[in-house]
Amino acid sequence: MSPKRSSTGACCARYKAASERGHTCAIAREWRRCYYLLMKKPSLGLFLATLAATSVLSACSPKFDWRDYRSPDAQFTALFPGKPAVLTREIDLDGKKVSLTMTASEVDGNTFAIGSAALDSTEQAQAALPAMKMALLKNINGVVRSEKLASAASNTTTGGHQRSSLSVEATGIQQGKPVLLVGRFVAQDKRIFQVIILGEESQLSRDTIDTFLDSVKLD
């Protein structure tokens, strides 16, 4: 007897098959099922995968259609290469439950995402940076290519802030395929941000990477 496939695995297999056949109605139907199942799990990796799937129906063109985006709570502005989707849910971040809002756009299997959350203290925000990095690296069994830590005071339209950032570039495997992860994790006072690009390295030029990262402005 063959092993029983989990509900999540079965639904995602059907979603993939529908996507490959190009059946729009089937894609939408299986997406709704996958969304329900994935949202029941606290994994940061699954959360990011859910967001990528959310935007796949509006990402049919291989071209990057850069557009301005301002978060509803005015915490950041950025350029996304397609219409982004927004989801908020509770995740486990190094043993602490955090309500994380992720905004993501997916183009040809390449995900561009910005996550943000408010923590209880600046100390917790600082400690969250390596935890966010490790969560994403674990998701792709990543090998770090480069890493940089920086800290400085900054001035924005809302006043002065203490900001620390951790930047990382890594390679790994997702769904059996090699991927590149470019991440920037920022702690600004009590709030944390993660700016992520994840996809096939051959499709992600340095200009594309820089366009997204350089466009992100924190308020």
C-alpha atoms as a PDB file:
ATOM      1  CA  MET A   1       0.000   0.000   0.000  1.00  0.00           C
ATOM      2  CA  SER A   2       1.434   3.377  -0.965  1.00  0.00           C
ATOM      3  CA  PRO A   3       1.754   5.975   1.838  1.00  0.00           C
ATOM      4  CA  LYS A   4      -1.137   8.365   2.269  1.00  0.00           C
ATOM      5  CA  ARG A   5      -0.390  11.865   1.049  1.00  0.00           C
ATOM      6  CA  SER A   6      -1.177  14.732   3.433  1.00  0.00           C
ATOM      7  CA  SER A   7      -4.087  17.034   2.642  1.00  0.00           C
ATOM      8  CA  THR A   8      -1.685  19.931   2.081  1.00  0.00           C
ATOM      9  CA  GLY A   9       0.604  17.901  -0.180  1.00  0.00           C
ATOM     10  CA  ALA A  10      -2.290  16.524  -2.232  1.00  0.00           C
ATOM     11  CA  CYS A  11      -3.855  19.936  -2.725  1.00  0.00           C
ATOM     12  CA  CYS A  12      -0.563  21.548  -3.726  1.00  0.00           C
ATOM     13  CA  ALA A  13       0.052  18.724  -6.224  1.00  0.00           C
ATOM     14  CA  ARG A  14      -3.355  19.404  -7.777  1.00  0.00           C
ATOM     15  CA  TYR A  15      -2.597  23.141  -7.819  1.00  0.00           C
ATOM     16  CA  LYS A  16       0.710  22.510  -9.636  1.00  0.00           C
ATOM     17  CA  ALA A  17      -0.967  20.235 -12.176  1.00  0.00           C
ATOM     18  CA  ALA A  18      -3.687  22.802 -12.851  1.00  0.00           C
ATOM     19  CA  SER A  19      -1.053  25.528 -13.291  1.00  0.00           C
ATOM     20  CA  GLU A  20       0.909  23.423 -15.781  1.00  0.00           C
ATOM     21  CA  ARG A  21      -2.256  22.760 -17.817  1.00  0.00           C
ATOM     22  CA  GLY A  22      -3.149  26.453 -17.739  1.00  0.00           C
ATOM     23  CA  HIS A  23      -6.708  25.820 -16.557  1.00  0.00           C
ATOM     24  CA  THR A  24      -7.597  29.121 -14.884  1.00  0.00           C
ATOM     25  CA  CYS A  25     -10.727  27.908 -13.068  1.00  0.00           C
ATOM     26  CA  ALA A  26      -8.936  24.825 -11.746  1.00  0.00           C
ATOM     27  CA  ILE A  27      -6.004  26.976 -10.640  1.00  0.00           C
ATOM     28  CA  ALA A  28      -8.305  29.283  -8.670  1.00  0.00           C
ATOM     29  CA  ARG A  29     -10.179  26.352  -7.094  1.00  0.00           C
ATOM     30  CA  GLU A  30      -7.047  24.497  -5.982  1.00  0.00           C
ATOM     31  CA  TRP A  31      -5.471  27.769  -4.788  1.00  0.00           C
ATOM     32  CA  ARG A  32      -8.386  28.353  -2.402  1.00  0.00           C
ATOM     33  CA  ARG A  33      -7.941  24.854  -0.972  1.00  0.00           C
ATOM     34  CA  CYS A  34      -4.169  25.281  -0.554  1.00  0.00           C
ATOM     35  CA  TYR A  35      -4.640  28.704   1.011  1.00  0.00           C
ATOM     36  CA  TYR A  36      -6.982  27.273   3.671  1.00  0.00           C
ATOM     37  CA  LEU A  37      -4.613  24.431   4.551  1.00  0.00           C
ATOM     38  CA  LEU A  38      -1.398  26.455   4.530  1.00  0.00           C
ATOM     39  CA  MET A  39      -2.839  29.224   6.677  1.00  0.00           C
ATOM     40  CA  LYS A  40      -3.384  26.634   9.441  1.00  0.00           C
ATOM     41  CA  LYS A  41       0.406  26.103   9.714  1.00  0.00           C
ATOM     42  CA  PRO A  42       2.774  28.534  11.540  1.00  0.00           C
ATOM     43  CA  SER A  43       5.783  28.012   9.231  1.00  0.00           C
ATOM     44  CA  LEU A  44       7.390  31.194   7.878  1.00  0.00           C
ATOM     45  CA  GLY A  45       8.471  29.251   4.809  1.00  0.00           C
ATOM     46  CA  LEU A  46       4.916  28.086   4.051  1.00  0.00           C
ATOM     47  CA  PHE A  47       3.650  31.608   4.686  1.00  0.00           C
ATOM     48  CA  LEU A  48       6.000  32.946   1.998  1.00  0.00           C
ATOM     49  CA  ALA A  49       5.021  30.137  -0.386  1.00  0.00           C
ATOM     50  CA  THR A  50       1.350  30.977   0.161  1.00  0.00           C
ATOM     51  CA  LEU A  51       1.953  34.601  -0.772  1.00  0.00           C
ATOM     52  CA  ALA A  52       3.832  33.624  -3.918  1.00  0.00           C
ATOM     53  CA  ALA A  53       0.909  31.460  -4.997  1.00  0.00           C
ATOM     54  CA  THR A  54      -1.560  34.263  -4.255  1.00  0.00           C
ATOM     55  CA  SER A  55      -0.032  36.506  -6.892  1.00  0.00           C
ATOM     56  CA  VAL A  56       0.595  33.865  -9.581  1.00  0.00           C
ATOM     57  CA  LEU A  57      -2.664  34.554 -11.418  1.00  0.00           C
ATOM     58  CA  SER A  58      -1.641  38.187 -11.975  1.00  0.00           C
ATOM     59  CA  ALA A  59       1.951  37.373 -12.926  1.00  0.00           C
ATOM     60  CA  CYS A  60       1.557  35.814 -16.383  1.00  0.00           C
ATOM     61  CA  SER A  61       4.028  38.125 -18.113  1.00  0.00           C
ATOM     62  CA  PRO A  62       7.776  37.420 -17.858  1.00  0.00           C
ATOM     63  CA  LYS A  63       8.428  41.165 -17.790  1.00  0.00           C
ATOM     64  CA  PHE A  64       8.877  43.023 -14.532  1.00  0.00           C
ATOM     65  CA  ASP A  65       6.105  45.612 -14.343  1.00  0.00           C
ATOM     66  CA  TRP A  66       7.525  47.847 -11.606  1.00  0.00           C
ATOM     67  CA  ARG A  67       4.923  49.802  -9.640  1.00  0.00           C
ATOM     68  CA  ASP A  68       4.894  51.972  -6.522  1.00  0.00           C
ATOM     69  CA  TYR A  69       3.407  50.513  -3.350  1.00  0.00           C
ATOM     70  CA  ARG A  70       2.776  52.109   0.052  1.00  0.00           C
ATOM     71  CA  SER A  71       1.830  49.904   2.972  1.00  0.00           C
ATOM     72  CA  PRO A  72      -1.618  50.642   4.450  1.00  0.00           C
ATOM     73  CA  ASP A  73      -0.082  51.552   7.808  1.00  0.00           C
ATOM     74  CA  ALA A  74       2.503  53.778   6.048  1.00  0.00           C
ATOM     75  CA  GLN A  75       5.462  51.865   7.486  1.00  0.00           C
ATOM     76  CA  PHE A  76       7.228  51.474   4.136  1.00  0.00           C
ATOM     77  CA  THR A  77       7.144  52.245   0.415  1.00  0.00           C
ATOM     78  CA  ALA A  78       8.661  50.134  -2.354  1.00  0.00           C
ATOM     79  CA  LEU A  79       8.616  49.174  -6.016  1.00  0.00           C
ATOM     80  CA  PHE A  80       7.145  45.731  -6.766  1.00  0.00           C
ATOM     81  CA  PRO A  81       7.540  43.961 -10.142  1.00  0.00           C
ATOM     82  CA  GLY A  82       3.841  43.058 -10.212  1.00  0.00           C
ATOM     83  CA  LYS A  83       0.645  43.594  -8.246  1.00  0.00           C
ATOM     84  CA  PRO A  84       1.437  42.438  -4.675  1.00  0.00           C
ATOM     85  CA  ALA A  85      -0.725  40.344  -2.377  1.00  0.00           C
ATOM     86  CA  VAL A  86      -0.942  41.040   1.373  1.00  0.00           C
ATOM     87  CA  LEU A  87      -1.484  38.508   4.156  1.00  0.00           C
ATOM     88  CA  THR A  88      -1.226  38.797   7.942  1.00  0.00           C
ATOM     89  CA  ARG A  89      -0.936  35.858  10.288  1.00  0.00           C
ATOM     90  CA  GLU A  90       0.772  34.664  13.438  1.00  0.00           C
ATOM     91  CA  ILE A  91       4.105  32.876  13.054  1.00  0.00           C
ATOM     92  CA  ASP A  92       6.623  31.342  15.429  1.00  0.00           C
ATOM     93  CA  LEU A  93       9.829  33.378  15.424  1.00  0.00           C
ATOM     94  CA  ASP A  94      12.450  31.658  17.564  1.00  0.00           C
ATOM     95  CA  GLY A  95       9.831  30.594  20.119  1.00  0.00           C
ATOM     96  CA  LYS A  96       7.898  33.884  20.142  1.00  0.00           C
ATOM     97  CA  LYS A  97       4.483  34.296  18.505  1.00  0.00           C
ATOM     98  CA  VAL A  98       4.565  37.272  16.141  1.00  0.00           C
ATOM     99  CA  SER A  99       1.816  38.763  13.982  1.00  0.00           C
ATOM    100  CA  LEU A 100       3.614  39.243  10.661  1.00  0.00           C
ATOM    101  CA  THR A 101       2.232  41.102   7.643  1.00  0.00           C
ATOM    102  CA  MET A 102       3.772  39.999   4.357  1.00  0.00           C
ATOM    103  CA  THR A 103       3.428  41.867   1.061  1.00  0.00           C
ATOM    104  CA  ALA A 104       4.650  39.862  -1.941  1.00  0.00           C
ATOM    105  CA  SER A 105       4.696  39.773  -5.718  1.00  0.00           C
ATOM    106  CA  GLU A 106       5.634  36.735  -7.821  1.00  0.00           C
ATOM    107  CA  VAL A 107       6.878  36.840 -11.415  1.00  0.00           C
ATOM    108  CA  ASP A 108       7.872  33.654 -13.260  1.00  0.00           C
ATOM    109  CA  GLY A 109       8.512  31.816 -10.002  1.00  0.00           C
ATOM    110  CA  ASN A 110      10.593  34.642  -8.505  1.00  0.00           C
ATOM    111  CA  THR A 111       9.236  36.092  -5.269  1.00  0.00           C
ATOM    112  CA  PHE A 112       9.734  39.670  -4.066  1.00  0.00           C
ATOM    113  CA  ALA A 113       8.423  40.197  -0.532  1.00  0.00           C
ATOM    114  CA  ILE A 114       8.463  42.591   2.408  1.00  0.00           C
ATOM    115  CA  GLY A 115       7.378  41.497   5.872  1.00  0.00           C
ATOM    116  CA  SER A 116       6.813  43.689   8.899  1.00  0.00           C
ATOM    117  CA  ALA A 117       5.800  43.237  12.523  1.00  0.00           C
ATOM    118  CA  ALA A 118       5.776  45.203  15.773  1.00  0.00           C
ATOM    119  CA  LEU A 119       7.459  43.661  18.818  1.00  0.00           C
ATOM    120  CA  ASP A 120       7.357  44.558  22.495  1.00  0.00           C
ATOM    121  CA  SER A 121      10.816  46.137  22.781  1.00  0.00           C
ATOM    122  CA  THR A 122      13.841  47.285  20.810  1.00  0.00           C
ATOM    123  CA  GLU A 123      15.788  44.391  22.351  1.00  0.00           C
ATOM    124  CA  GLN A 124      13.317  41.879  20.936  1.00  0.00           C
ATOM    125  CA  ALA A 125      13.501  43.569  17.544  1.00  0.00           C
ATOM    126  CA  GLN A 126      17.297  43.318  17.517  1.00  0.00           C
ATOM    127  CA  ALA A 127      17.202  39.637  18.497  1.00  0.00           C
ATOM    128  CA  ALA A 128      14.681  38.892  15.739  1.00  0.00           C
ATOM    129  CA  LEU A 129      17.111  39.673  12.902  1.00  0.00           C
ATOM    130  CA  PRO A 130      19.178  36.456  13.071  1.00  0.00           C
ATOM    131  CA  ALA A 131      16.020  34.468  13.851  1.00  0.00           C
ATOM    132  CA  MET A 132      14.353  35.671  10.632  1.00  0.00           C
ATOM    133  CA  LYS A 133      17.492  34.912   8.648  1.00  0.00           C
ATOM    134  CA  MET A 134      17.788  31.386  10.030  1.00  0.00           C
ATOM    135  CA  ALA A 135      14.099  30.630   9.413  1.00  0.00           C
ATOM    136  CA  LEU A 136      14.431  31.427   5.721  1.00  0.00           C
ATOM    137  CA  LEU A 137      17.779  29.673   5.321  1.00  0.00           C
ATOM    138  CA  LYS A 138      16.324  26.559   6.934  1.00  0.00           C
ATOM    139  CA  ASN A 139      13.412  26.615   4.504  1.00  0.00           C
ATOM    140  CA  ILE A 140      15.771  26.223   1.501  1.00  0.00           C
ATOM    141  CA  ASN A 141      18.611  24.369   3.262  1.00  0.00           C
ATOM    142  CA  GLY A 142      20.621  27.459   2.398  1.00  0.00           C
ATOM    143  CA  VAL A 143      24.355  28.034   2.207  1.00  0.00           C
ATOM    144  CA  VAL A 144      25.371  31.632   2.965  1.00  0.00           C
ATOM    145  CA  ARG A 145      27.354  33.305   0.196  1.00  0.00           C
ATOM    146  CA  SER A 146      27.768  36.693   1.883  1.00  0.00           C
ATOM    147  CA  GLU A 147      26.532  38.424   5.034  1.00  0.00           C
ATOM    148  CA  LYS A 148      26.759  41.963   6.409  1.00  0.00           C
ATOM    149  CA  LEU A 149      25.616  43.553   9.688  1.00  0.00           C
ATOM    150  CA  ALA A 150      25.162  47.316  10.093  1.00  0.00           C
ATOM    151  CA  SER A 151      23.808  49.655  12.766  1.00  0.00           C
ATOM    152  CA  ALA A 152      23.151  53.389  12.715  1.00  0.00           C
ATOM    153  CA  ALA A 153      20.808  56.162  13.796  1.00  0.00           C
ATOM    154  CA  SER A 154      18.445  57.371  11.078  1.00  0.00           C
ATOM    155  CA  ASN A 155      16.043  60.249  10.540  1.00  0.00           C
ATOM    156  CA  THR A 156      12.703  59.824   8.748  1.00  0.00           C
ATOM    157  CA  THR A 157       9.550  61.886   8.339  1.00  0.00           C
ATOM    158  CA  THR A 158       8.349  60.518  11.682  1.00  0.00           C
ATOM    159  CA  GLY A 159      11.516  61.458  13.597  1.00  0.00           C
ATOM    160  CA  GLY A 160      14.757  59.812  14.693  1.00  0.00           C
ATOM    161  CA  HIS A 161      15.175  56.037  14.867  1.00  0.00           C
ATOM    162  CA  GLN A 162      17.756  53.482  15.904  1.00  0.00           C
ATOM    163  CA  ARG A 163      18.166  51.044  13.038  1.00  0.00           C
ATOM    164  CA  SER A 164      20.100  47.805  12.660  1.00  0.00           C
ATOM    165  CA  SER A 165      20.204  45.664   9.536  1.00  0.00           C
ATOM    166  CA  LEU A 166      21.436  42.239   8.542  1.00  0.00           C
ATOM    167  CA  SER A 167      21.938  41.527   4.849  1.00  0.00           C
ATOM    168  CA  VAL A 168      22.474  38.035   3.475  1.00  0.00           C
ATOM    169  CA  GLU A 169      22.839  36.323   0.113  1.00  0.00           C
ATOM    170  CA  ALA A 170      22.540  32.552  -0.011  1.00  0.00           C
ATOM    171  CA  THR A 171      21.931  29.639  -2.346  1.00  0.00           C
ATOM    172  CA  GLY A 172      19.696  26.675  -1.631  1.00  0.00           C
ATOM    173  CA  ILE A 173      17.105  24.237  -2.922  1.00  0.00           C
ATOM    174  CA  GLN A 174      13.337  24.731  -3.161  1.00  0.00           C
ATOM    175  CA  GLN A 175      11.036  22.094  -4.666  1.00  0.00           C
ATOM    176  CA  GLY A 176      14.090  20.286  -5.996  1.00  0.00           C
ATOM    177  CA  LYS A 177      15.439  23.310  -7.883  1.00  0.00           C
ATOM    178  CA  PRO A 178      18.408  25.582  -7.044  1.00  0.00           C
ATOM    179  CA  VAL A 179      17.397  29.047  -5.841  1.00  0.00           C
ATOM    180  CA  LEU A 180      19.010  32.306  -4.806  1.00  0.00           C
ATOM    181  CA  LEU A 181      17.923  34.073  -1.618  1.00  0.00           C
ATOM    182  CA  VAL A 182      18.700  37.758  -1.143  1.00  0.00           C
ATOM    183  CA  GLY A 183      17.483  39.078   2.201  1.00  0.00           C
ATOM    184  CA  ARG A 184      17.699  42.273   4.190  1.00  0.00           C
ATOM    185  CA  PHE A 185      16.454  42.116   7.785  1.00  0.00           C
ATOM    186  CA  VAL A 186      15.930  45.405   9.607  1.00  0.00           C
ATOM    187  CA  ALA A 187      15.132  46.334  13.203  1.00  0.00           C
ATOM    188  CA  GLN A 188      13.901  49.905  13.582  1.00  0.00           C
ATOM    189  CA  ASP A 189      12.996  50.704  17.167  1.00  0.00           C
ATOM    190  CA  LYS A 190      10.347  48.070  18.094  1.00  0.00           C
ATOM    191  CA  ARG A 191       9.455  47.157  14.515  1.00  0.00           C
ATOM    192  CA  ILE A 192      11.087  44.525  12.310  1.00  0.00           C
ATOM    193  CA  PHE A 193      11.185  44.269   8.524  1.00  0.00           C
ATOM    194  CA  GLN A 194      12.363  41.565   6.165  1.00  0.00           C
ATOM    195  CA  VAL A 195      12.974  42.363   2.507  1.00  0.00           C
ATOM    196  CA  ILE A 196      13.307  39.170   0.449  1.00  0.00           C
ATOM    197  CA  ILE A 197      14.020  38.089  -3.096  1.00  0.00           C
ATOM    198  CA  LEU A 198      13.821  34.348  -3.776  1.00  0.00           C
ATOM    199  CA  GLY A 199      14.090  32.696  -7.171  1.00  0.00           C
ATOM    200  CA  GLU A 200      16.201  31.233  -9.928  1.00  0.00           C
ATOM    201  CA  GLU A 201      19.554  33.039 -10.030  1.00  0.00           C
ATOM    202  CA  SER A 202      19.729  33.092 -13.837  1.00  0.00           C
ATOM    203  CA  GLN A 203      16.474  35.092 -13.924  1.00  0.00           C
ATOM    204  CA  LEU A 204      17.546  37.608 -11.265  1.00  0.00           C
ATOM    205  CA  SER A 205      19.973  40.146 -12.665  1.00  0.00           C
ATOM    206  CA  ARG A 206      21.874  42.409 -10.316  1.00  0.00           C
ATOM    207  CA  ASP A 207      19.921  45.331 -11.754  1.00  0.00           C
ATOM    208  CA  THR A 208      16.612  43.638 -10.858  1.00  0.00           C
ATOM    209  CA  ILE A 209      17.832  42.858  -7.345  1.00  0.00           C
ATOM    210  CA  ASP A 210      19.103  46.407  -6.793  1.00  0.00           C
ATOM    211  CA  THR A 211      15.922  47.962  -8.197  1.00  0.00           C
ATOM    212  CA  PHE A 212      13.814  46.209  -5.573  1.00  0.00           C
ATOM    213  CA  LEU A 213      16.179  46.567  -2.596  1.00  0.00           C
ATOM    214  CA  ASP A 214      17.041  50.207  -3.287  1.00  0.00           C
ATOM    215  CA  SER A 215      13.376  51.153  -3.694  1.00  0.00           C
ATOM    216  CA  VAL A 216      12.433  50.110  -0.150  1.00  0.00           C
ATOM    217  CA  LYS A 217      12.042  53.121   2.119  1.00  0.00           C
ATOM    218  CA  LEU A 218      11.111  52.718   5.785  1.00  0.00           C
ATOM    219  CA  ASP A 219       9.067  55.493   7.419  1.00  0.00           C
END
